[in-house]
């Protein structure tokens, strides 16, 4: 991807800066910590800003394997991962960070959870 394409992508997603700062992390354990601490209004805001653009993000990411993404797409990839992990909390659990009738997920330690996804 050339510099012009890179700049176009960066400017195209400049409105996502607050989401990137809050939700986009390279490792699952980092994203999980944000998700466990999120409020219903934070899940709703994240969902409402991401869902309408999800197709656009997936199309953009589909041209490269995750381990070969150009640097300007790393944040988008991390947001999509965070969205996949957070969407059920908005869609199914009424904005609760907890999963009803289940074990506390903090009891489980992902052996790969500190590795970038």
PDB file of N, CA and C in Angstrom:
ATOM      1  N   UNK A   1       0.849  -1.166   0.000  1.00  0.00           N
ATOM      2  CA  UNK A   1       0.000   0.000   0.000  1.00  0.00           C
ATOM      3  C   UNK A   1       0.896   1.230   0.000  1.00  0.00           C
ATOM      4  N   UNK A   2       0.619   2.162  -0.885  1.00  0.00           N
ATOM      5  CA  UNK A   2       1.468   3.345  -0.967  1.00  0.00           C
ATOM      6  C   UNK A   2       1.060   4.396   0.059  1.00  0.00           C
ATOM      7  N   UNK A   3       1.881   5.443   0.172  1.00  0.00           N
ATOM      8  CA  UNK A   3       1.671   6.499   1.176  1.00  0.00           C
ATOM      9  C   UNK A   3       0.314   7.182   0.990  1.00  0.00           C
ATOM     10  N   UNK A   4      -0.093   7.414  -0.253  1.00  0.00           N
ATOM     11  CA  UNK A   4      -1.384   8.063  -0.518  1.00  0.00           C
ATOM     12  C   UNK A   4      -2.534   7.205  -0.005  1.00  0.00           C
ATOM     13  N   UNK A   5      -2.480   5.905  -0.263  1.00  0.00           N
ATOM     14  CA  UNK A   5      -3.523   4.998   0.227  1.00  0.00           C
ATOM     15  C   UNK A   5      -3.535   4.965   1.745  1.00  0.00           C
ATOM     16  N   UNK A   6      -2.348   4.930   2.326  1.00  0.00           N
ATOM     17  CA  UNK A   6      -2.226   4.912   3.782  1.00  0.00           C
ATOM     18  C   UNK A   6      -2.845   6.159   4.402  1.00  0.00           C
ATOM     19  N   UNK A   7      -2.535   7.320   3.851  1.00  0.00           N
ATOM     20  CA  UNK A   7      -3.099   8.574   4.360  1.00  0.00           C
ATOM     21  C   UNK A   7      -4.617   8.617   4.185  1.00  0.00           C
ATOM     22  N   UNK A   8      -5.111   8.081   3.079  1.00  0.00           N
ATOM     23  CA  UNK A   8      -6.554   8.068   2.828  1.00  0.00           C
ATOM     24  C   UNK A   8      -7.265   7.204   3.872  1.00  0.00           C
ATOM     25  N   UNK A   9      -6.675   6.065   4.208  1.00  0.00           N
ATOM     26  CA  UNK A   9      -7.280   5.194   5.222  1.00  0.00           C
ATOM     27  C   UNK A   9      -7.269   5.883   6.576  1.00  0.00           C
ATOM     28  N   UNK A  10      -6.148   6.473   6.943  1.00  0.00           N
ATOM     29  CA  UNK A  10      -6.032   7.156   8.228  1.00  0.00           C
ATOM     30  C   UNK A  10      -7.059   8.271   8.351  1.00  0.00           C
ATOM     31  N   UNK A  11      -7.210   9.099   7.315  1.00  0.00           N
ATOM     32  CA  UNK A  11      -8.171  10.201   7.382  1.00  0.00           C
ATOM     33  C   UNK A  11      -9.611   9.694   7.329  1.00  0.00           C
ATOM     34  N   UNK A  12      -9.844   8.597   6.623  1.00  0.00           N
ATOM     35  CA  UNK A  12     -11.185   8.024   6.502  1.00  0.00           C
ATOM     36  C   UNK A  12     -11.719   7.540   7.848  1.00  0.00           C
ATOM     37  N   UNK A  13     -10.839   7.155   8.752  1.00  0.00           N
ATOM     38  CA  UNK A  13     -11.251   6.631  10.040  1.00  0.00           C
ATOM     39  C   UNK A  13     -10.854   7.531  11.203  1.00  0.00           C
ATOM     40  N   UNK A  14     -10.595   8.792  10.935  1.00  0.00           N
ATOM     41  CA  UNK A  14     -10.153   9.706  12.002  1.00  0.00           C
ATOM     42  C   UNK A  14     -11.211   9.873  13.098  1.00  0.00           C
ATOM     43  N   UNK A  15     -12.479   9.696  12.747  1.00  0.00           N
ATOM     44  CA  UNK A  15     -13.543   9.821  13.746  1.00  0.00           C
ATOM     45  C   UNK A  15     -13.529   8.677  14.763  1.00  0.00           C
ATOM     46  N   UNK A  16     -12.741   7.654  14.505  1.00  0.00           N
ATOM     47  CA  UNK A  16     -12.690   6.501  15.409  1.00  0.00           C
ATOM     48  C   UNK A  16     -11.658   6.659  16.523  1.00  0.00           C
ATOM     49  N   UNK A  17     -10.962   7.769  16.572  1.00  0.00           N
ATOM     50  CA  UNK A  17      -9.910   7.955  17.579  1.00  0.00           C
ATOM     51  C   UNK A  17     -10.363   7.621  18.996  1.00  0.00           C
ATOM     52  N   UNK A  18     -11.537   8.097  19.454  1.00  0.00           N
ATOM     53  CA  UNK A  18     -11.954   7.734  20.817  1.00  0.00           C
ATOM     54  C   UNK A  18     -12.162   6.229  21.000  1.00  0.00           C
ATOM     55  N   UNK A  19     -12.700   5.569  19.967  1.00  0.00           N
ATOM     56  CA  UNK A  19     -12.886   4.119  20.061  1.00  0.00           C
ATOM     57  C   UNK A  19     -11.543   3.400  20.084  1.00  0.00           C
ATOM     58  N   UNK A  20     -10.620   3.865  19.275  1.00  0.00           N
ATOM     59  CA  UNK A  20      -9.292   3.251  19.244  1.00  0.00           C
ATOM     60  C   UNK A  20      -8.620   3.350  20.607  1.00  0.00           C
ATOM     61  N   UNK A  21      -8.718   4.512  21.219  1.00  0.00           N
ATOM     62  CA  UNK A  21      -8.082   4.719  22.525  1.00  0.00           C
ATOM     63  C   UNK A  21      -8.704   3.826  23.598  1.00  0.00           C
ATOM     64  N   UNK A  22     -10.002   3.638  23.541  1.00  0.00           N
ATOM     65  CA  UNK A  22     -10.700   2.864  24.582  1.00  0.00           C
ATOM     66  C   UNK A  22     -10.653   1.357  24.346  1.00  0.00           C
ATOM     67  N   UNK A  23     -10.880   0.912  23.088  1.00  0.00           N
ATOM     68  CA  UNK A  23     -11.159  -0.499  22.819  1.00  0.00           C
ATOM     69  C   UNK A  23     -10.074  -1.257  22.054  1.00  0.00           C
ATOM     70  N   UNK A  24      -9.230  -0.576  21.313  1.00  0.00           N
ATOM     71  CA  UNK A  24      -8.302  -1.259  20.394  1.00  0.00           C
ATOM     72  C   UNK A  24      -6.982  -1.593  21.075  1.00  0.00           C
ATOM     73  N   UNK A  25      -6.810  -2.894  21.324  1.00  0.00           N
ATOM     74  CA  UNK A  25      -5.572  -3.386  21.920  1.00  0.00           C
ATOM     75  C   UNK A  25      -5.155  -4.647  21.179  1.00  0.00           C
ATOM     76  N   UNK A  26      -3.861  -4.898  21.078  1.00  0.00           N
ATOM     77  CA  UNK A  26      -3.399  -6.040  20.293  1.00  0.00           C
ATOM     78  C   UNK A  26      -3.605  -7.398  20.966  1.00  0.00           C
ATOM     79  N   UNK A  27      -3.772  -7.430  22.272  1.00  0.00           N
ATOM     80  CA  UNK A  27      -3.867  -8.712  22.974  1.00  0.00           C
ATOM     81  C   UNK A  27      -5.250  -8.911  23.587  1.00  0.00           C
ATOM     82  N   UNK A  28      -5.694 -10.152  23.571  1.00  0.00           N
ATOM     83  CA  UNK A  28      -7.028 -10.501  24.077  1.00  0.00           C
ATOM     84  C   UNK A  28      -7.217 -10.097  25.538  1.00  0.00           C
ATOM     85  N   UNK A  29      -6.215 -10.337  26.377  1.00  0.00           N
ATOM     86  CA  UNK A  29      -6.358  -9.998  27.788  1.00  0.00           C
ATOM     87  C   UNK A  29      -6.552  -8.502  27.993  1.00  0.00           C
ATOM     88  N   UNK A  30      -5.915  -7.693  27.179  1.00  0.00           N
ATOM     89  CA  UNK A  30      -6.112  -6.239  27.271  1.00  0.00           C
ATOM     90  C   UNK A  30      -7.539  -5.866  26.882  1.00  0.00           C
ATOM     91  N   UNK A  31      -8.022  -6.441  25.794  1.00  0.00           N
ATOM     92  CA  UNK A  31      -9.392  -6.142  25.358  1.00  0.00           C
ATOM     93  C   UNK A  31     -10.405  -6.657  26.369  1.00  0.00           C
ATOM     94  N   UNK A  32     -10.132  -7.815  26.948  1.00  0.00           N
ATOM     95  CA  UNK A  32     -11.042  -8.380  27.954  1.00  0.00           C
ATOM     96  C   UNK A  32     -11.139  -7.471  29.171  1.00  0.00           C
ATOM     97  N   UNK A  33     -10.023  -6.923  29.609  1.00  0.00           N
ATOM     98  CA  UNK A  33     -10.036  -6.024  30.772  1.00  0.00           C
ATOM     99  C   UNK A  33     -10.926  -4.809  30.502  1.00  0.00           C
ATOM    100  N   UNK A  34     -10.859  -4.270  29.296  1.00  0.00           N
ATOM    101  CA  UNK A  34     -11.723  -3.135  28.935  1.00  0.00           C
ATOM    102  C   UNK A  34     -13.179  -3.574  28.937  1.00  0.00           C
ATOM    103  N   UNK A  35     -13.439  -4.720  28.344  1.00  0.00           N
ATOM    104  CA  UNK A  35     -14.816  -5.232  28.250  1.00  0.00           C
ATOM    105  C   UNK A  35     -15.405  -5.490  29.630  1.00  0.00           C
ATOM    106  N   UNK A  36     -14.646  -6.082  30.536  1.00  0.00           N
ATOM    107  CA  UNK A  36     -15.156  -6.376  31.880  1.00  0.00           C
ATOM    108  C   UNK A  36     -15.458  -5.107  32.666  1.00  0.00           C
ATOM    109  N   UNK A  37     -14.793  -4.014  32.312  1.00  0.00           N
ATOM    110  CA  UNK A  37     -15.024  -2.765  33.030  1.00  0.00           C
ATOM    111  C   UNK A  37     -15.993  -1.822  32.347  1.00  0.00           C
ATOM    112  N   UNK A  38     -16.527  -2.224  31.199  1.00  0.00           N
ATOM    113  CA  UNK A  38     -17.400  -1.332  30.424  1.00  0.00           C
ATOM    114  C   UNK A  38     -18.801  -1.261  31.016  1.00  0.00           C
ATOM    115  N   UNK A  39     -19.394  -0.101  30.872  1.00  0.00           N
ATOM    116  CA  UNK A  39     -20.782   0.101  31.300  1.00  0.00           C
ATOM    117  C   UNK A  39     -21.720  -0.165  30.129  1.00  0.00           C
ATOM    118  N   UNK A  40     -22.999  -0.267  30.421  1.00  0.00           N
ATOM    119  CA  UNK A  40     -23.994  -0.480  29.371  1.00  0.00           C
ATOM    120  C   UNK A  40     -23.947   0.646  28.341  1.00  0.00           C
ATOM    121  N   UNK A  41     -23.757   1.870  28.791  1.00  0.00           N
ATOM    122  CA  UNK A  41     -23.709   2.990  27.838  1.00  0.00           C
ATOM    123  C   UNK A  41     -22.446   2.926  26.972  1.00  0.00           C
ATOM    124  N   UNK A  42     -21.346   2.426  27.522  1.00  0.00           N
ATOM    125  CA  UNK A  42     -20.123   2.280  26.711  1.00  0.00           C
ATOM    126  C   UNK A  42     -20.292   1.176  25.679  1.00  0.00           C
ATOM    127  N   UNK A  43     -20.925   0.063  26.050  1.00  0.00           N
ATOM    128  CA  UNK A  43     -21.212  -0.992  25.071  1.00  0.00           C
ATOM    129  C   UNK A  43     -22.126  -0.450  23.968  1.00  0.00           C
ATOM    130  N   UNK A  44     -23.143   0.303  24.358  1.00  0.00           N
ATOM    131  CA  UNK A  44     -24.085   0.847  23.367  1.00  0.00           C
ATOM    132  C   UNK A  44     -23.397   1.808  22.409  1.00  0.00           C
ATOM    133  N   UNK A  45     -22.574   2.697  22.942  1.00  0.00           N
ATOM    134  CA  UNK A  45     -21.854   3.652  22.085  1.00  0.00           C
ATOM    135  C   UNK A  45     -20.928   2.918  21.115  1.00  0.00           C
ATOM    136  N   UNK A  46     -20.159   1.969  21.634  1.00  0.00           N
ATOM    137  CA  UNK A  46     -19.233   1.209  20.792  1.00  0.00           C
ATOM    138  C   UNK A  46     -20.004   0.480  19.691  1.00  0.00           C
ATOM    139  N   UNK A  47     -21.059  -0.186  20.067  1.00  0.00           N
ATOM    140  CA  UNK A  47     -21.871  -0.944  19.121  1.00  0.00           C
ATOM    141  C   UNK A  47     -22.470  -0.021  18.058  1.00  0.00           C
ATOM    142  N   UNK A  48     -23.032   1.085  18.487  1.00  0.00           N
ATOM    143  CA  UNK A  48     -23.722   1.979  17.537  1.00  0.00           C
ATOM    144  C   UNK A  48     -22.751   2.648  16.559  1.00  0.00           C
ATOM    145  N   UNK A  49     -21.514   2.821  16.957  1.00  0.00           N
ATOM    146  CA  UNK A  49     -20.529   3.420  16.047  1.00  0.00           C
ATOM    147  C   UNK A  49     -19.863   2.380  15.151  1.00  0.00           C
ATOM    148  N   UNK A  50     -19.748   1.171  15.632  1.00  0.00           N
ATOM    149  CA  UNK A  50     -19.071   0.128  14.858  1.00  0.00           C
ATOM    150  C   UNK A  50     -19.992  -0.609  13.893  1.00  0.00           C
ATOM    151  N   UNK A  51     -21.188  -0.951  14.325  1.00  0.00           N
ATOM    152  CA  UNK A  51     -22.060  -1.815  13.530  1.00  0.00           C
ATOM    153  C   UNK A  51     -22.320  -1.279  12.123  1.00  0.00           C
ATOM    154  N   UNK A  52     -22.626   0.004  11.950  1.00  0.00           N
ATOM    155  CA  UNK A  52     -22.902   0.483  10.594  1.00  0.00           C
ATOM    156  C   UNK A  52     -21.692   0.402   9.660  1.00  0.00           C
ATOM    157  N   UNK A  53     -20.494   0.328  10.213  1.00  0.00           N
ATOM    158  CA  UNK A  53     -19.280   0.339   9.401  1.00  0.00           C
ATOM    159  C   UNK A  53     -18.583  -1.013   9.362  1.00  0.00           C
ATOM    160  N   UNK A  54     -19.143  -2.001  10.026  1.00  0.00           N
ATOM    161  CA  UNK A  54     -18.486  -3.291  10.132  1.00  0.00           C
ATOM    162  C   UNK A  54     -18.190  -3.900   8.760  1.00  0.00           C
ATOM    163  N   UNK A  55     -19.134  -3.844   7.852  1.00  0.00           N
ATOM    164  CA  UNK A  55     -18.917  -4.384   6.504  1.00  0.00           C
ATOM    165  C   UNK A  55     -17.749  -3.713   5.807  1.00  0.00           C
ATOM    166  N   UNK A  56     -17.664  -2.415   5.939  1.00  0.00           N
ATOM    167  CA  UNK A  56     -16.558  -1.653   5.348  1.00  0.00           C
ATOM    168  C   UNK A  56     -15.214  -2.097   5.951  1.00  0.00           C
ATOM    169  N   UNK A  57     -15.193  -2.274   7.266  1.00  0.00           N
ATOM    170  CA  UNK A  57     -13.960  -2.694   7.930  1.00  0.00           C
ATOM    171  C   UNK A  57     -13.555  -4.095   7.489  1.00  0.00           C
ATOM    172  N   UNK A  58     -14.514  -5.008   7.445  1.00  0.00           N
ATOM    173  CA  UNK A  58     -14.208  -6.385   7.059  1.00  0.00           C
ATOM    174  C   UNK A  58     -13.733  -6.461   5.616  1.00  0.00           C
ATOM    175  N   UNK A  59     -14.332  -5.685   4.750  1.00  0.00           N
ATOM    176  CA  UNK A  59     -13.889  -5.643   3.349  1.00  0.00           C
ATOM    177  C   UNK A  59     -12.449  -5.150   3.265  1.00  0.00           C
ATOM    178  N   UNK A  60     -12.142  -4.115   3.984  1.00  0.00           N
ATOM    179  CA  UNK A  60     -10.785  -3.555   3.985  1.00  0.00           C
ATOM    180  C   UNK A  60      -9.774  -4.568   4.516  1.00  0.00           C
ATOM    181  N   UNK A  61     -10.148  -5.270   5.565  1.00  0.00           N
ATOM    182  CA  UNK A  61      -9.235  -6.245   6.176  1.00  0.00           C
ATOM    183  C   UNK A  61      -9.105  -7.527   5.361  1.00  0.00           C
ATOM    184  N   UNK A  62     -10.085  -7.826   4.538  1.00  0.00           N
ATOM    185  CA  UNK A  62     -10.124  -9.106   3.822  1.00  0.00           C
ATOM    186  C   UNK A  62      -9.019  -9.253   2.783  1.00  0.00           C
ATOM    187  N   UNK A  63      -8.332  -8.205   2.457  1.00  0.00           N
ATOM    188  CA  UNK A  63      -7.299  -8.253   1.422  1.00  0.00           C
ATOM    189  C   UNK A  63      -5.936  -8.686   1.948  1.00  0.00           C
ATOM    190  N   UNK A  64      -5.825  -8.856   3.259  1.00  0.00           N
ATOM    191  CA  UNK A  64      -4.547  -9.242   3.866  1.00  0.00           C
ATOM    192  C   UNK A  64      -4.788 -10.228   4.998  1.00  0.00           C
ATOM    193  N   UNK A  65      -3.898 -11.213   5.155  1.00  0.00           N
ATOM    194  CA  UNK A  65      -4.011 -12.063   6.342  1.00  0.00           C
ATOM    195  C   UNK A  65      -3.702 -11.229   7.583  1.00  0.00           C
ATOM    196  N   UNK A  66      -4.274 -11.569   8.740  1.00  0.00           N
ATOM    197  CA  UNK A  66      -4.066 -10.757   9.943  1.00  0.00           C
ATOM    198  C   UNK A  66      -2.591 -10.517  10.302  1.00  0.00           C
ATOM    199  N   UNK A  67      -1.743 -11.496  10.047  1.00  0.00           N
ATOM    200  CA  UNK A  67      -0.333 -11.321  10.408  1.00  0.00           C
ATOM    201  C   UNK A  67       0.464 -10.537   9.368  1.00  0.00           C
ATOM    202  N   UNK A  68      -0.202 -10.074   8.311  1.00  0.00           N
ATOM    203  CA  UNK A  68       0.481  -9.281   7.282  1.00  0.00           C
ATOM    204  C   UNK A  68      -0.257  -7.982   6.978  1.00  0.00           C
ATOM    205  N   UNK A  69      -1.030  -7.498   7.934  1.00  0.00           N
ATOM    206  CA  UNK A  69      -1.754  -6.237   7.724  1.00  0.00           C
ATOM    207  C   UNK A  69      -0.777  -5.076   7.670  1.00  0.00           C
ATOM    208  N   UNK A  70      -1.046  -4.110   6.811  1.00  0.00           N
ATOM    209  CA  UNK A  70      -0.228  -2.896   6.853  1.00  0.00           C
ATOM    210  C   UNK A  70      -0.484  -2.164   8.178  1.00  0.00           C
ATOM    211  N   UNK A  71       0.491  -1.462   8.683  1.00  0.00           N
ATOM    212  CA  UNK A  71       0.359  -0.818  10.002  1.00  0.00           C
ATOM    213  C   UNK A  71      -0.874   0.064  10.153  1.00  0.00           C
ATOM    214  N   UNK A  72      -1.304   0.725   9.090  1.00  0.00           N
ATOM    215  CA  UNK A  72      -2.459   1.616   9.201  1.00  0.00           C
ATOM    216  C   UNK A  72      -3.765   0.867   9.422  1.00  0.00           C
ATOM    217  N   UNK A  73      -3.750  -0.446   9.259  1.00  0.00           N
ATOM    218  CA  UNK A  73      -4.961  -1.236   9.496  1.00  0.00           C
ATOM    219  C   UNK A  73      -4.952  -1.969  10.838  1.00  0.00           C
ATOM    220  N   UNK A  74      -3.863  -1.897  11.575  1.00  0.00           N
ATOM    221  CA  UNK A  74      -3.791  -2.603  12.858  1.00  0.00           C
ATOM    222  C   UNK A  74      -4.899  -2.151  13.806  1.00  0.00           C
ATOM    223  N   UNK A  75      -5.125  -0.850  13.914  1.00  0.00           N
ATOM    224  CA  UNK A  75      -6.166  -0.338  14.806  1.00  0.00           C
ATOM    225  C   UNK A  75      -7.552  -0.806  14.400  1.00  0.00           C
ATOM    226  N   UNK A  76      -7.820  -0.817  13.100  1.00  0.00           N
ATOM    227  CA  UNK A  76      -9.121  -1.285  12.608  1.00  0.00           C
ATOM    228  C   UNK A  76      -9.288  -2.772  12.948  1.00  0.00           C
ATOM    229  N   UNK A  77      -8.250  -3.552  12.736  1.00  0.00           N
ATOM    230  CA  UNK A  77      -8.301  -4.977  13.065  1.00  0.00           C
ATOM    231  C   UNK A  77      -8.571  -5.181  14.559  1.00  0.00           C
ATOM    232  N   UNK A  78      -7.884  -4.423  15.388  1.00  0.00           N
ATOM    233  CA  UNK A  78      -8.081  -4.537  16.835  1.00  0.00           C
ATOM    234  C   UNK A  78      -9.487  -4.114  17.241  1.00  0.00           C
ATOM    235  N   UNK A  79     -10.033  -3.090  16.583  1.00  0.00           N
ATOM    236  CA  UNK A  79     -11.419  -2.686  16.864  1.00  0.00           C
ATOM    237  C   UNK A  79     -12.403  -3.780  16.470  1.00  0.00           C
ATOM    238  N   UNK A  80     -12.173  -4.406  15.329  1.00  0.00           N
ATOM    239  CA  UNK A  80     -13.063  -5.480  14.883  1.00  0.00           C
ATOM    240  C   UNK A  80     -12.996  -6.654  15.865  1.00  0.00           C
ATOM    241  N   UNK A  81     -11.798  -6.983  16.342  1.00  0.00           N
ATOM    242  CA  UNK A  81     -11.674  -8.044  17.358  1.00  0.00           C
ATOM    243  C   UNK A  81     -12.444  -7.650  18.622  1.00  0.00           C
ATOM    244  N   UNK A  82     -12.258  -6.421  19.063  1.00  0.00           N
ATOM    245  CA  UNK A  82     -12.954  -5.948  20.267  1.00  0.00           C
ATOM    246  C   UNK A  82     -14.464  -5.965  20.060  1.00  0.00           C
ATOM    247  N   UNK A  83     -14.901  -5.592  18.865  1.00  0.00           N
ATOM    248  CA  UNK A  83     -16.333  -5.595  18.572  1.00  0.00           C
ATOM    249  C   UNK A  83     -16.898  -7.010  18.639  1.00  0.00           C
ATOM    250  N   UNK A  84     -16.188  -7.969  18.052  1.00  0.00           N
ATOM    251  CA  UNK A  84     -16.655  -9.356  18.084  1.00  0.00           C
ATOM    252  C   UNK A  84     -16.775  -9.854  19.519  1.00  0.00           C
ATOM    253  N   UNK A  85     -15.883  -9.410  20.372  1.00  0.00           N
ATOM    254  CA  UNK A  85     -15.895  -9.837  21.769  1.00  0.00           C
ATOM    255  C   UNK A  85     -16.940  -9.075  22.598  1.00  0.00           C
ATOM    256  N   UNK A  86     -17.224  -7.830  22.224  1.00  0.00           N
ATOM    257  CA  UNK A  86     -18.120  -6.978  23.017  1.00  0.00           C
ATOM    258  C   UNK A  86     -19.576  -6.991  22.536  1.00  0.00           C
ATOM    259  N   UNK A  87     -19.811  -7.280  21.273  1.00  0.00           N
ATOM    260  CA  UNK A  87     -21.169  -7.203  20.720  1.00  0.00           C
ATOM    261  C   UNK A  87     -22.190  -8.027  21.498  1.00  0.00           C
ATOM    262  N   UNK A  88     -21.871  -9.250  21.925  1.00  0.00           N
ATOM    263  CA  UNK A  88     -22.876 -10.008  22.675  1.00  0.00           C
ATOM    264  C   UNK A  88     -23.335  -9.312  23.963  1.00  0.00           C
ATOM    265  N   UNK A  89     -22.464  -8.525  24.546  1.00  0.00           N
ATOM    266  CA  UNK A  89     -22.842  -7.833  25.783  1.00  0.00           C
ATOM    267  C   UNK A  89     -23.932  -6.792  25.503  1.00  0.00           C
ATOM    268  N   UNK A  90     -23.900  -6.212  24.336  1.00  0.00           N
ATOM    269  CA  UNK A  90     -24.951  -5.264  23.951  1.00  0.00           C
ATOM    270  C   UNK A  90     -26.178  -6.010  23.420  1.00  0.00           C
ATOM    271  N   UNK A  91     -25.964  -6.986  22.555  1.00  0.00           N
ATOM    272  CA  UNK A  91     -27.071  -7.670  21.885  1.00  0.00           C
ATOM    273  C   UNK A  91     -27.825  -8.640  22.796  1.00  0.00           C
ATOM    274  N   UNK A  92     -27.112  -9.329  23.665  1.00  0.00           N
ATOM    275  CA  UNK A  92     -27.727 -10.415  24.436  1.00  0.00           C
ATOM    276  C   UNK A  92     -27.848 -10.168  25.926  1.00  0.00           C
ATOM    277  N   UNK A  93     -26.950  -9.358  26.490  1.00  0.00           N
ATOM    278  CA  UNK A  93     -26.872  -9.239  27.943  1.00  0.00           C
ATOM    279  C   UNK A  93     -27.267  -7.855  28.455  1.00  0.00           C
ATOM    280  N   UNK A  94     -27.996  -7.095  27.646  1.00  0.00           N
ATOM    281  CA  UNK A  94     -28.526  -5.782  28.051  1.00  0.00           C
ATOM    282  C   UNK A  94     -27.446  -4.837  28.559  1.00  0.00           C
ATOM    283  N   UNK A  95     -26.255  -4.926  27.961  1.00  0.00           N
ATOM    284  CA  UNK A  95     -25.179  -4.023  28.327  1.00  0.00           C
ATOM    285  C   UNK A  95     -24.403  -4.434  29.558  1.00  0.00           C
ATOM    286  N   UNK A  96     -24.655  -5.603  30.055  1.00  0.00           N
ATOM    287  CA  UNK A  96     -23.914  -6.078  31.226  1.00  0.00           C
ATOM    288  C   UNK A  96     -22.559  -6.623  30.792  1.00  0.00           C
ATOM    289  N   UNK A  97     -21.533  -6.305  31.552  1.00  0.00           N
ATOM    290  CA  UNK A  97     -20.206  -6.856  31.280  1.00  0.00           C
ATOM    291  C   UNK A  97     -20.132  -8.317  31.714  1.00  0.00           C
ATOM    292  N   UNK A  98     -21.073  -8.732  32.533  1.00  0.00           N
ATOM    293  CA  UNK A  98     -21.124 -10.117  32.996  1.00  0.00           C
ATOM    294  C   UNK A  98     -21.989 -10.944  32.045  1.00  0.00           C
ATOM    295  N   UNK A  99     -21.733 -12.232  31.995  1.00  0.00           N
ATOM    296  CA  UNK A  99     -22.549 -13.150  31.211  1.00  0.00           C
ATOM    297  C   UNK A  99     -23.457 -13.875  32.197  1.00  0.00           C
ATOM    298  N   UNK A 100     -24.766 -13.673  32.069  1.00  0.00           N
ATOM    299  CA  UNK A 100     -25.687 -14.284  33.038  1.00  0.00           C
ATOM    300  C   UNK A 100     -25.558 -15.807  33.090  1.00  0.00           C
ATOM    301  N   UNK A 101     -25.724 -16.349  34.285  1.00  0.00           N
ATOM    302  CA  UNK A 101     -25.745 -17.795  34.506  1.00  0.00           C
ATOM    303  C   UNK A 101     -24.466 -18.483  34.024  1.00  0.00           C
ATOM    304  N   UNK A 102     -23.334 -17.839  34.249  1.00  0.00           N
ATOM    305  CA  UNK A 102     -22.063 -18.424  33.821  1.00  0.00           C
ATOM    306  C   UNK A 102     -20.991 -18.164  34.872  1.00  0.00           C
ATOM    307  N   UNK A 103     -19.868 -18.783  34.687  1.00  0.00           N
ATOM    308  CA  UNK A 103     -18.729 -18.535  35.555  1.00  0.00           C
ATOM    309  C   UNK A 103     -18.163 -17.157  35.254  1.00  0.00           C
ATOM    310  N   UNK A 104     -17.552 -16.552  36.244  1.00  0.00           N
ATOM    311  CA  UNK A 104     -16.860 -15.291  36.028  1.00  0.00           C
ATOM    312  C   UNK A 104     -15.689 -15.558  35.080  1.00  0.00           C
ATOM    313  N   UNK A 105     -15.644 -14.903  33.918  1.00  0.00           N
ATOM    314  CA  UNK A 105     -14.593 -15.196  32.938  1.00  0.00           C
ATOM    315  C   UNK A 105     -13.191 -14.866  33.442  1.00  0.00           C
ATOM    316  N   UNK A 106     -13.080 -14.064  34.470  1.00  0.00           N
ATOM    317  CA  UNK A 106     -11.758 -13.728  35.006  1.00  0.00           C
ATOM    318  C   UNK A 106     -11.108 -14.925  35.703  1.00  0.00           C
ATOM    319  N   UNK A 107     -11.908 -15.965  35.939  1.00  0.00           N
ATOM    320  CA  UNK A 107     -11.355 -17.186  36.534  1.00  0.00           C
ATOM    321  C   UNK A 107     -10.466 -17.937  35.551  1.00  0.00           C
ATOM    322  N   UNK A 108     -10.671 -17.718  34.277  1.00  0.00           N
ATOM    323  CA  UNK A 108      -9.936 -18.436  33.245  1.00  0.00           C
ATOM    324  C   UNK A 108      -8.799 -17.564  32.729  1.00  0.00           C
ATOM    325  N   UNK A 109      -7.659 -18.171  32.518  1.00  0.00           N
ATOM    326  CA  UNK A 109      -6.502 -17.451  32.026  1.00  0.00           C
ATOM    327  C   UNK A 109      -6.165 -17.995  30.653  1.00  0.00           C
ATOM    328  N   UNK A 110      -6.257 -17.145  29.670  1.00  0.00           N
ATOM    329  CA  UNK A 110      -5.893 -17.550  28.303  1.00  0.00           C
ATOM    330  C   UNK A 110      -4.374 -17.590  28.201  1.00  0.00           C
ATOM    331  N   UNK A 111      -3.842 -18.735  27.879  1.00  0.00           N
ATOM    332  CA  UNK A 111      -2.392 -18.870  27.777  1.00  0.00           C
ATOM    333  C   UNK A 111      -1.820 -18.000  26.670  1.00  0.00           C
ATOM    334  N   UNK A 112      -2.599 -17.752  25.645  1.00  0.00           N
ATOM    335  CA  UNK A 112      -2.167 -16.907  24.548  1.00  0.00           C
ATOM    336  C   UNK A 112      -2.682 -15.473  24.700  1.00  0.00           C
ATOM    337  N   UNK A 113      -3.381 -15.177  25.769  1.00  0.00           N
ATOM    338  CA  UNK A 113      -4.091 -13.917  25.914  1.00  0.00           C
ATOM    339  C   UNK A 113      -3.265 -12.658  25.932  1.00  0.00           C
ATOM    340  N   UNK A 114      -1.963 -12.779  26.160  1.00  0.00           N
ATOM    341  CA  UNK A 114      -1.119 -11.592  26.127  1.00  0.00           C
ATOM    342  C   UNK A 114      -0.395 -11.439  24.811  1.00  0.00           C
ATOM    343  N   UNK A 115      -0.621 -12.385  23.893  1.00  0.00           N
ATOM    344  CA  UNK A 115      -0.023 -12.300  22.565  1.00  0.00           C
ATOM    345  C   UNK A 115      -0.930 -11.462  21.683  1.00  0.00           C
ATOM    346  N   UNK A 116      -0.336 -10.676  20.807  1.00  0.00           N
ATOM    347  CA  UNK A 116      -1.187  -9.939  19.858  1.00  0.00           C
ATOM    348  C   UNK A 116      -2.003 -10.908  19.031  1.00  0.00           C
ATOM    349  N   UNK A 117      -3.255 -10.506  18.750  1.00  0.00           N
ATOM    350  CA  UNK A 117      -4.140 -11.384  17.968  1.00  0.00           C
ATOM    351  C   UNK A 117      -3.756 -11.389  16.520  1.00  0.00           C
TER     352      UNK A 117
END
